[in-house]
Amino acid sequence: MATTVTLPPGPSAPRWVQGGYALALPHRGMRRLRDRYGDAFTVDVPIFGRAVVISDPAEVRQLFQSGTEDFDNLERNLGRVLGPGSLFALSGEDHRRRRKLLVPPFHGRRLAAYERIIEEEAEREFAGWPQGRAFATLPSMMRITLNAILRAVFGAEGAEFAELRELLPAMVELGSRLAVVPVPQDGWGRWNPWHRFRAMRRSYDAVVERLMARAEREGGLDRRDDILALLLQSRHEDGTAMSRSDIADQLITLLAAGHETTATTLAWTVERLRRHPAVLRELVAEADAGGSALREAALLEVQRTRPVIDMVGRQVRADSVRLGRWTLPRGYAVLVSIALVHDDDSVFPEARTFDPYRFLGTKPDLYQWIPFGGGGRRCLGAAFATMEMNVVLRTLLRDFVLEPTGERAERWHSRGVAGAPARGGRAVVRRRTASAAPSPGRTTAPGAPARVPGARA
């Protein structure tokens, strides 16, 4: 085993200066550091401390394929706000066992059952959209994804649905900010935001407890499709059931991982498509003809060019470990810069060009296209989120004309964990009429090119 530590170069400014730089210029700052130090550099920032940032695909692949004896869960992560039973908080064998229980809901029959729920929520939200004037789509996308998760994951309805819909947006937003800002959990008296967050969490736990009690009282769990019902029935390998607190932690984890991130990607999708009218025309024609290949490719490209999560990371667990060119000591964080990988011309030619056609007829390399992370800790709900975005975009294209724009691209704005379009993914729409739809069978819009070279992001 290698013992001589070899770290990439990096800035020497104090931790608080580097932390302020990271918060003020998260995207441009990463690019500037790459331009100065190369595709790997060492930083010292609040929350993570001394960390190595990587973006070389070979080193990213090695990290994601490494065993937990070398690299495992970050010590400081979203588990601080989601609870000790959350997948984000678990490591090693505990994480493997819990993840195994959560795989079934996101595949096969159950995933197909959720599609209609998402379409219903999209139709309900879109019915209230203004026509002919600009508005931000992000709030609408937030409501769609929240309502879909409350139904598909929590199995909520009635009073509990209304309570969670009122409580969770503020709770998730506050938790998202607390996860990335080094606020002490004690001290500051009543001004400490952690006190407010904990009060929200107590309200959340009480509602989820009522949902679980009702589900068990009414029975028929095996006939329900929601994930709460599945977790109540699930058993560990030794036959024991999940605790009520662990179920509550997992439900809020699934919501946190799939609500804001999915909604933000949909807002970015609107922002991107309005600025690429040729792609938009062909997407409409494809949807009218019943196709989906270009739509799926466009969503892949939106996530490549506008990833809503900046980083995914691991912690060094071995005394020292070799990662590509570097030898890292125990305790160091290794952070993969998703944006830098996606922005690399050697990985994605003309990387700053928005070009969905690069993904037509091919699947992305999951060690290079990494909006959901990778390896054994890749986002469990990736398939659910992908399906949800596909259904929402399909419904939008079917029911509305999305007006193109020549306005400048919306800037990136930090919402804590997620990065959103600064103006909320503004749109101008008109409801479609029967005469506006292309004739049946047409698969490409008039004048739509096979590719859109040079369409800069």
Protein backbone atom coordinates (compact mmCIF):
# COMPACT_ATOMS: atom_id res chain seq x y z
CA MET A 1 0.00 0.00 0.00
CA ALA A 2 1.29 3.45 -0.94
CA THR A 3 2.15 5.67 2.02
CA THR A 4 3.64 8.84 0.48
CA VAL A 5 0.90 11.43 0.16
CA THR A 6 0.71 13.10 -3.25
CA LEU A 7 -1.91 15.82 -3.61
CA PRO A 8 -2.80 18.03 -6.57
CA PRO A 9 -1.99 21.74 -6.26
CA GLY A 10 -4.58 24.23 -5.09
CA PRO A 11 -5.21 27.64 -3.55
CA SER A 12 -3.51 28.55 -0.27
CA ALA A 13 -6.06 31.07 1.00
CA PRO A 14 -7.61 30.49 4.45
CA ARG A 15 -10.58 28.14 4.74
CA TRP A 16 -13.13 30.92 5.24
CA VAL A 17 -11.88 32.75 2.14
CA GLN A 18 -12.10 29.62 0.00
CA GLY A 19 -15.55 28.90 1.43
CA GLY A 20 -16.78 32.38 0.58
CA TYR A 21 -15.36 32.04 -2.93
CA ALA A 22 -17.16 28.71 -3.40
CA LEU A 23 -20.48 30.18 -2.25
CA ALA A 24 -20.16 33.37 -4.29
CA LEU A 25 -18.90 31.82 -7.53
CA PRO A 26 -19.77 28.11 -7.44
CA HIS A 27 -19.70 27.46 -11.20
CA ARG A 28 -17.34 30.12 -12.49
CA GLY A 29 -15.10 29.51 -9.50
CA MET A 30 -14.69 25.83 -10.35
CA ARG A 31 -13.82 26.67 -13.95
CA ARG A 32 -11.25 29.25 -12.83
CA LEU A 33 -9.62 26.75 -10.48
CA ARG A 34 -9.48 24.17 -13.27
CA ASP A 35 -7.96 26.71 -15.64
CA ARG A 36 -5.28 27.54 -13.07
CA TYR A 37 -4.48 24.16 -11.51
CA GLY A 38 -5.73 21.52 -13.98
CA ASP A 39 -8.44 18.88 -13.78
CA ALA A 40 -7.67 18.09 -10.12
CA PHE A 41 -6.97 20.51 -7.29
CA THR A 42 -6.92 20.59 -3.51
CA VAL A 43 -9.21 22.94 -1.58
CA ASP A 44 -9.90 23.70 2.06
CA VAL A 45 -13.54 24.67 2.61
CA PRO A 46 -16.09 24.68 5.44
CA ILE A 47 -18.21 21.52 5.87
CA PHE A 48 -15.70 19.26 4.04
CA GLY A 49 -12.36 20.62 5.23
CA ARG A 50 -9.36 19.51 3.17
CA ALA A 51 -10.67 17.96 -0.03
CA VAL A 52 -9.49 16.98 -3.50
CA VAL A 53 -11.72 18.00 -6.40
CA ILE A 54 -11.46 15.74 -9.46
CA SER A 55 -12.94 15.84 -12.98
CA ASP A 56 -10.77 13.43 -14.97
CA PRO A 57 -13.14 10.66 -16.21
CA ALA A 58 -10.63 7.87 -15.49
CA GLU A 59 -10.23 9.02 -11.88
CA VAL A 60 -13.98 9.47 -11.51
CA ARG A 61 -14.53 5.91 -12.76
CA GLN A 62 -11.94 4.55 -10.33
CA LEU A 63 -13.56 6.40 -7.43
CA PHE A 64 -17.05 5.13 -8.24
CA GLN A 65 -15.82 1.56 -8.71
CA SER A 66 -13.76 1.47 -5.50
CA GLY A 67 -14.82 -0.61 -2.53
CA THR A 68 -16.00 0.89 0.75
CA GLU A 69 -12.73 -0.15 2.41
CA ASP A 70 -11.02 2.60 0.37
CA PHE A 71 -13.75 5.21 -0.14
CA ASP A 72 -17.11 5.48 1.57
CA ASN A 73 -19.76 7.98 2.52
CA LEU A 74 -18.78 11.56 3.27
CA GLU A 75 -18.78 12.22 7.00
CA ARG A 76 -20.58 15.55 6.50
CA ASN A 77 -23.55 15.08 4.21
CA LEU A 78 -27.30 15.51 3.84
CA GLY A 79 -27.82 12.97 6.61
CA ARG A 80 -27.40 15.90 9.00
CA VAL A 81 -30.79 17.24 7.91
CA LEU A 82 -32.52 14.06 6.68
CA GLY A 83 -31.96 11.93 9.77
CA PRO A 84 -29.74 9.02 10.89
CA GLY A 85 -31.85 6.44 9.05
CA SER A 86 -31.47 8.22 5.71
CA LEU A 87 -29.46 6.56 2.95
CA PHE A 88 -27.31 9.70 2.95
CA ALA A 89 -26.31 9.04 6.56
CA LEU A 90 -25.54 5.32 6.21
CA SER A 91 -22.24 3.72 5.23
CA GLY A 92 -20.85 0.31 4.42
CA GLU A 93 -23.03 -2.74 5.06
CA ASP A 94 -25.81 -0.69 6.67
CA HIS A 95 -26.13 1.33 3.47
CA ARG A 96 -26.11 -1.80 1.29
CA ARG A 97 -28.89 -3.47 3.30
CA ARG A 98 -31.11 -0.41 3.39
CA ARG A 99 -30.59 0.32 -0.30
CA LYS A 100 -31.61 -3.27 -1.15
CA LEU A 101 -34.98 -2.69 0.54
CA LEU A 102 -35.59 0.46 -1.50
CA VAL A 103 -34.80 -0.85 -4.99
CA PRO A 104 -38.13 -2.57 -5.88
CA PRO A 105 -40.37 0.54 -5.97
CA PHE A 106 -38.32 2.16 -8.70
CA HIS A 107 -38.64 -0.54 -11.32
CA GLY A 108 -41.23 -2.50 -13.30
CA ARG A 109 -44.92 -2.44 -12.47
CA ARG A 110 -44.66 0.05 -9.64
CA LEU A 111 -42.78 2.60 -11.74
CA ALA A 112 -45.38 2.28 -14.51
CA ALA A 113 -48.17 2.84 -11.97
CA TYR A 114 -46.68 6.20 -10.98
CA GLU A 115 -46.77 7.56 -14.54
CA ARG A 116 -50.49 8.31 -14.47
CA ILE A 117 -50.16 10.12 -11.13
CA ILE A 118 -47.50 12.41 -12.60
CA GLU A 119 -49.55 13.12 -15.72
CA GLU A 120 -52.58 14.01 -13.60
CA GLU A 121 -50.54 16.41 -11.48
CA ALA A 122 -49.01 18.03 -14.56
CA GLU A 123 -52.41 18.49 -16.21
CA ARG A 124 -53.85 19.97 -13.01
CA GLU A 125 -51.00 22.45 -12.64
CA PHE A 126 -50.82 23.43 -16.31
CA ALA A 127 -54.56 24.19 -16.35
CA GLY A 128 -53.85 27.34 -14.36
CA TRP A 129 -50.98 28.61 -16.51
CA PRO A 130 -51.38 32.16 -17.89
CA GLN A 131 -51.29 32.51 -21.66
CA GLY A 132 -49.44 35.09 -23.68
CA ARG A 133 -47.37 36.56 -20.85
CA ALA A 134 -44.08 35.58 -19.24
CA PHE A 135 -44.05 33.68 -15.92
CA ALA A 136 -41.61 31.54 -13.96
CA THR A 137 -42.20 27.81 -14.38
CA LEU A 138 -40.12 26.65 -11.40
CA PRO A 139 -42.93 27.11 -8.82
CA SER A 140 -45.25 25.04 -11.00
CA MET A 141 -42.66 22.30 -11.44
CA MET A 142 -42.13 22.30 -7.66
CA ARG A 143 -45.85 21.74 -7.07
CA ILE A 144 -46.03 18.96 -9.66
CA THR A 145 -43.09 17.01 -8.26
CA LEU A 146 -44.15 17.55 -4.64
CA ASN A 147 -47.71 16.39 -5.22
CA ALA A 148 -46.54 13.39 -7.26
CA ILE A 149 -44.15 12.30 -4.51
CA LEU A 150 -46.74 12.78 -1.78
CA ARG A 151 -49.07 10.44 -3.67
CA ALA A 152 -46.60 7.91 -5.10
CA VAL A 153 -44.13 7.77 -2.20
CA PHE A 154 -46.08 8.77 0.90
CA GLY A 155 -49.48 7.46 -0.20
CA ALA A 156 -50.86 10.68 1.29
CA GLU A 157 -54.37 11.98 0.80
CA GLY A 158 -56.87 14.16 2.62
CA ALA A 159 -55.70 16.09 5.67
CA GLU A 160 -52.21 14.54 5.69
CA PHE A 161 -51.68 15.42 2.03
CA ALA A 162 -52.67 19.03 2.73
CA GLU A 163 -50.44 19.27 5.82
CA LEU A 164 -47.38 17.86 4.08
CA ARG A 165 -47.92 20.01 1.00
CA GLU A 166 -47.93 23.07 3.27
CA LEU A 167 -45.01 22.00 5.47
CA LEU A 168 -42.49 20.33 3.18
CA PRO A 169 -41.53 23.09 0.70
CA ALA A 170 -40.28 25.37 3.48
CA MET A 171 -38.69 22.46 5.34
CA VAL A 172 -36.83 21.22 2.25
CA GLU A 173 -35.67 24.73 1.31
CA LEU A 174 -34.33 25.43 4.80
CA GLY A 175 -32.70 22.00 5.07
CA SER A 176 -31.08 22.47 1.67
CA ARG A 177 -29.41 25.66 2.84
CA LEU A 178 -28.38 24.26 6.22
CA ALA A 179 -26.70 21.35 4.45
CA VAL A 180 -24.20 23.63 2.69
CA VAL A 181 -23.78 26.52 5.14
CA PRO A 182 -21.67 25.89 8.27
CA VAL A 183 -24.24 27.00 10.85
CA PRO A 184 -23.66 25.46 14.31
CA GLN A 185 -26.52 23.25 15.49
CA ASP A 186 -26.42 24.76 18.98
CA GLY A 187 -26.02 28.30 20.21
CA TRP A 188 -27.43 31.59 18.88
CA GLY A 189 -30.55 31.08 21.01
CA ARG A 190 -33.87 31.41 19.24
CA TRP A 191 -32.13 32.89 16.18
CA ASN A 192 -30.55 29.57 15.26
CA PRO A 193 -32.24 28.27 12.06
CA TRP A 194 -31.66 24.69 13.24
CA HIS A 195 -34.30 25.26 15.95
CA ARG A 196 -36.86 26.15 13.28
CA PHE A 197 -35.84 23.17 11.18
CA ARG A 198 -36.20 20.77 14.11
CA ALA A 199 -39.68 22.10 14.85
CA MET A 200 -40.64 21.45 11.23
CA ARG A 201 -39.17 17.97 11.49
CA ARG A 202 -41.30 17.20 14.56
CA SER A 203 -44.41 18.26 12.66
CA TYR A 204 -43.36 16.10 9.72
CA ASP A 205 -42.77 13.05 11.94
CA ALA A 206 -46.22 13.43 13.50
CA VAL A 207 -47.95 13.48 10.11
CA VAL A 208 -45.98 10.48 8.82
CA GLU A 209 -46.78 8.56 12.01
CA ARG A 210 -50.48 9.11 11.33
CA LEU A 211 -50.03 7.92 7.75
CA MET A 212 -48.29 4.73 8.92
CA ALA A 213 -50.85 4.05 11.64
CA ARG A 214 -53.74 4.48 9.20
CA ALA A 215 -52.10 2.25 6.59
CA GLU A 216 -51.62 -0.56 9.12
CA ARG A 217 -55.11 -0.12 10.53
CA GLU A 218 -56.80 -0.27 7.12
CA GLY A 219 -54.70 -3.22 5.91
CA GLY A 220 -54.31 -4.29 2.27
CA LEU A 221 -50.73 -3.04 2.10
CA ASP A 222 -49.87 -5.58 -0.58
CA ARG A 223 -52.48 -4.03 -2.89
CA ARG A 224 -51.04 -0.52 -2.61
CA ASP A 225 -48.40 0.92 -4.94
CA ASP A 226 -47.04 3.69 -2.74
CA ILE A 227 -43.58 3.33 -1.23
CA LEU A 228 -44.73 3.88 2.36
CA ALA A 229 -46.80 0.70 2.10
CA LEU A 230 -43.84 -1.21 0.68
CA LEU A 231 -41.53 -0.03 3.47
CA LEU A 232 -44.04 -1.10 6.12
CA GLN A 233 -43.97 -4.60 4.62
CA SER A 234 -40.22 -4.76 3.97
CA ARG A 235 -37.95 -6.93 6.06
CA HIS A 236 -34.20 -6.98 6.55
CA GLU A 237 -32.26 -10.17 5.83
CA ASP A 238 -32.69 -11.22 9.47
CA GLY A 239 -36.47 -10.83 9.22
CA THR A 240 -36.76 -7.62 11.24
CA ALA A 241 -38.91 -4.71 10.08
CA MET A 242 -37.72 -1.17 9.51
CA SER A 243 -38.32 1.11 12.49
CA ARG A 244 -40.92 3.87 12.18
CA SER A 245 -38.20 6.53 12.51
CA ASP A 246 -36.12 4.91 9.76
CA ILE A 247 -39.16 4.83 7.46
CA ALA A 248 -39.78 8.53 8.13
CA ASP A 249 -36.11 9.26 7.35
CA GLN A 250 -36.27 7.32 4.09
CA LEU A 251 -39.46 9.03 2.95
CA ILE A 252 -38.02 12.50 3.49
CA THR A 253 -34.83 11.35 1.77
CA LEU A 254 -36.75 10.24 -1.30
CA LEU A 255 -38.60 13.54 -1.32
CA ALA A 256 -35.46 15.64 -0.86
CA ALA A 257 -33.62 13.72 -3.59
CA GLY A 258 -36.46 13.75 -6.11
CA HIS A 259 -38.56 16.87 -5.51
CA GLU A 260 -36.46 20.02 -5.87
CA THR A 261 -33.83 18.50 -8.16
CA THR A 262 -36.40 17.14 -10.63
CA ALA A 263 -38.44 20.34 -10.59
CA THR A 264 -35.33 22.44 -11.15
CA THR A 265 -34.25 20.29 -14.10
CA LEU A 266 -37.71 20.77 -15.65
CA ALA A 267 -37.40 24.55 -15.24
CA TRP A 268 -33.98 24.40 -16.89
CA THR A 269 -35.56 22.32 -19.69
CA VAL A 270 -38.02 25.11 -20.42
CA GLU A 271 -35.20 27.66 -20.29
CA ARG A 272 -33.02 25.66 -22.72
CA LEU A 273 -35.72 24.72 -25.23
CA ARG A 274 -37.02 28.26 -25.60
CA ARG A 275 -33.52 29.27 -26.74
CA HIS A 276 -33.22 26.43 -29.26
CA PRO A 277 -36.33 26.71 -31.44
CA ALA A 278 -35.25 24.13 -34.04
CA VAL A 279 -34.95 21.49 -31.32
CA LEU A 280 -38.27 22.62 -29.85
CA ARG A 281 -40.06 22.28 -33.20
CA GLU A 282 -38.78 18.78 -33.70
CA LEU A 283 -39.72 17.79 -30.16
CA VAL A 284 -43.31 18.94 -30.77
CA ALA A 285 -43.52 17.00 -34.03
CA GLU A 286 -42.08 13.90 -32.38
CA ALA A 287 -44.56 14.10 -29.48
CA ASP A 288 -47.48 14.48 -31.90
CA ALA A 289 -46.29 11.38 -33.75
CA GLY A 290 -46.07 9.39 -30.51
CA GLY A 291 -42.28 9.25 -30.35
CA SER A 292 -39.96 9.87 -27.44
CA ALA A 293 -36.32 9.34 -28.51
CA LEU A 294 -35.45 13.02 -29.03
CA ARG A 295 -37.34 14.02 -25.88
CA GLU A 296 -35.32 11.54 -23.83
CA ALA A 297 -32.11 12.79 -25.46
CA ALA A 298 -33.05 16.41 -24.76
CA LEU A 299 -33.55 15.67 -21.07
CA LEU A 300 -30.15 13.99 -20.97
CA GLU A 301 -28.59 17.05 -22.56
CA VAL A 302 -30.33 19.46 -20.20
CA GLN A 303 -28.92 17.52 -17.27
CA ARG A 304 -25.47 17.55 -18.87
CA THR A 305 -25.38 21.27 -19.60
CA ARG A 306 -27.34 22.38 -16.52
CA PRO A 307 -26.68 19.85 -13.73
CA VAL A 308 -28.58 21.01 -10.65
CA ILE A 309 -26.16 19.38 -8.18
CA ASP A 310 -22.57 20.67 -8.14
CA MET A 311 -20.72 17.88 -6.43
CA VAL A 312 -20.83 14.25 -5.42
CA GLY A 313 -18.23 12.95 -2.99
CA ARG A 314 -16.61 10.19 -0.98
CA GLN A 315 -14.34 10.04 2.08
CA VAL A 316 -10.99 8.23 2.21
CA ARG A 317 -11.33 5.34 4.69
CA ALA A 318 -8.02 3.52 4.16
CA ASP A 319 -4.81 4.80 5.78
CA SER A 320 -3.88 6.00 2.32
CA VAL A 321 -5.17 5.15 -1.13
CA ARG A 322 -4.00 5.71 -4.69
CA LEU A 323 -6.49 7.52 -6.93
CA GLY A 324 -5.14 7.98 -10.43
CA ARG A 325 -2.14 10.28 -10.14
CA TRP A 326 -2.68 11.03 -6.46
CA THR A 327 -2.12 9.31 -3.13
CA LEU A 328 -4.65 10.51 -0.56
CA PRO A 329 -4.53 10.20 3.25
CA ARG A 330 -7.30 8.93 5.53
CA GLY A 331 -10.06 11.42 6.19
CA TYR A 332 -9.70 13.47 3.02
CA ALA A 333 -12.88 14.16 1.06
CA VAL A 334 -12.85 13.50 -2.67
CA LEU A 335 -15.34 15.69 -4.53
CA VAL A 336 -16.31 15.00 -8.13
CA SER A 337 -17.18 18.23 -9.94
CA ILE A 338 -20.15 17.21 -12.06
CA ALA A 339 -20.14 20.48 -13.97
CA LEU A 340 -16.44 20.22 -14.86
CA VAL A 341 -16.83 16.66 -16.17
CA HIS A 342 -19.84 17.67 -18.26
CA ASP A 343 -18.04 20.79 -19.50
CA ASP A 344 -14.98 18.95 -20.81
CA ASP A 345 -14.57 19.06 -24.61
CA SER A 346 -12.46 15.89 -24.52
CA VAL A 347 -15.44 14.04 -23.00
CA PHE A 348 -18.31 15.79 -24.80
CA PRO A 349 -17.15 17.48 -28.03
CA GLU A 350 -18.28 21.12 -28.17
CA ALA A 351 -19.32 20.68 -24.57
CA ARG A 352 -20.83 24.16 -24.21
CA THR A 353 -23.13 23.58 -27.17
CA PHE A 354 -26.66 22.46 -26.33
CA ASP A 355 -26.99 19.47 -28.65
CA PRO A 356 -29.52 16.76 -27.70
CA TYR A 357 -28.66 14.85 -30.87
CA ARG A 358 -25.40 13.70 -29.27
CA PHE A 359 -27.52 11.27 -27.20
CA LEU A 360 -29.81 10.00 -29.97
CA GLY A 361 -29.41 6.25 -30.40
CA THR A 362 -26.88 5.94 -27.59
CA LYS A 363 -26.88 5.78 -23.83
CA PRO A 364 -24.57 8.04 -21.85
CA ASP A 365 -21.52 6.65 -20.10
CA LEU A 366 -22.53 6.69 -16.43
CA TYR A 367 -18.97 7.55 -15.37
CA GLN A 368 -19.02 10.67 -17.56
CA TRP A 369 -22.68 11.74 -17.53
CA ILE A 370 -23.20 11.88 -13.78
CA PRO A 371 -26.07 14.16 -12.67
CA PHE A 372 -27.26 11.31 -10.41
CA GLY A 373 -23.81 10.53 -9.01
CA GLY A 374 -22.35 7.08 -9.54
CA GLY A 375 -21.29 3.73 -8.18
CA GLY A 376 -22.94 2.12 -5.17
CA ARG A 377 -24.29 5.48 -4.00
CA ARG A 378 -25.86 6.57 -7.30
CA CYS A 379 -29.25 8.20 -6.76
CA LEU A 380 -31.76 5.44 -6.09
CA GLY A 381 -34.60 7.39 -7.67
CA ALA A 382 -32.86 8.10 -10.99
CA ALA A 383 -35.34 5.96 -12.96
CA PHE A 384 -38.31 7.61 -11.21
CA ALA A 385 -36.96 11.11 -11.87
CA THR A 386 -36.23 10.30 -15.51
CA MET A 387 -39.74 8.96 -16.04
CA GLU A 388 -41.25 11.96 -14.23
CA MET A 389 -39.40 14.51 -16.36
CA ASN A 390 -40.34 12.64 -19.53
CA VAL A 391 -44.05 12.61 -18.63
CA VAL A 392 -44.15 16.28 -17.60
CA LEU A 393 -42.35 17.42 -20.76
CA ARG A 394 -44.55 15.21 -22.95
CA THR A 395 -47.68 16.70 -21.36
CA LEU A 396 -46.36 20.24 -21.81
CA LEU A 397 -45.54 19.72 -25.49
CA ARG A 398 -48.90 18.06 -26.11
CA ASP A 399 -51.04 20.78 -24.51
CA PHE A 400 -49.13 24.04 -25.06
CA VAL A 401 -47.15 25.99 -27.60
CA LEU A 402 -43.95 27.06 -25.84
CA GLU A 403 -42.87 30.37 -27.37
CA PRO A 404 -39.15 30.62 -28.31
CA THR A 405 -37.14 33.62 -27.11
CA GLY A 406 -34.03 35.52 -28.11
CA GLU A 407 -33.31 36.57 -24.53
CA ARG A 408 -29.96 35.79 -22.96
CA ALA A 409 -29.63 32.53 -21.08
CA GLU A 410 -30.76 32.63 -17.48
CA ARG A 411 -27.90 32.65 -15.02
CA TRP A 412 -27.31 29.92 -12.44
CA HIS A 413 -28.72 30.69 -8.99
CA SER A 414 -27.96 28.72 -5.83
CA ARG A 415 -30.90 27.42 -3.80
CA GLY A 416 -28.62 25.65 -1.34
CA VAL A 417 -28.09 22.11 -2.60
CA ALA A 418 -29.62 22.72 -6.04
CA GLY A 419 -28.72 25.28 -8.71
CA ALA A 420 -31.74 26.80 -10.47
CA PRO A 421 -32.29 29.26 -13.34
CA ALA A 422 -32.11 32.72 -11.80
CA ARG A 423 -35.46 33.84 -13.22
CA GLY A 424 -37.20 30.55 -12.54
CA GLY A 425 -37.21 29.17 -16.08
CA ARG A 426 -39.51 31.82 -17.55
CA ALA A 427 -41.96 30.80 -20.25
CA VAL A 428 -44.59 32.28 -22.53
CA VAL A 429 -47.19 29.72 -23.58
CA ARG A 430 -50.40 29.38 -25.56
CA ARG A 431 -52.78 26.47 -25.24
CA ARG A 432 -52.71 24.32 -28.36
CA THR A 433 -55.76 23.83 -30.53
CA ALA A 434 -56.57 20.93 -32.82
CA SER A 435 -55.59 23.00 -35.85
CA ALA A 436 -52.17 23.74 -34.32
CA ALA A 437 -51.14 20.10 -34.23
CA PRO A 438 -49.18 18.66 -37.19
CA SER A 439 -50.88 16.10 -39.38
CA PRO A 440 -50.66 12.52 -38.08
CA GLY A 441 -47.52 10.61 -38.97
CA ARG A 442 -45.22 13.59 -39.47
CA THR A 443 -42.04 12.90 -37.50
CA THR A 444 -40.04 16.04 -38.16
CA ALA A 445 -41.07 19.66 -38.16
CA PRO A 446 -40.63 21.73 -41.33
CA GLY A 447 -37.11 23.03 -41.54
CA ALA A 448 -35.90 21.15 -38.43
CA PRO A 449 -32.26 20.10 -38.99
CA ALA A 450 -30.84 16.69 -38.19
CA ARG A 451 -28.44 18.43 -35.80
CA VAL A 452 -28.05 21.91 -34.46
CA PRO A 453 -24.30 22.61 -34.61
CA GLY A 454 -23.11 25.78 -33.03
CA ALA A 455 -26.21 26.31 -30.85
CA ARG A 456 -24.26 27.73 -27.95
CA ALA A 457 -25.47 27.21 -24.41
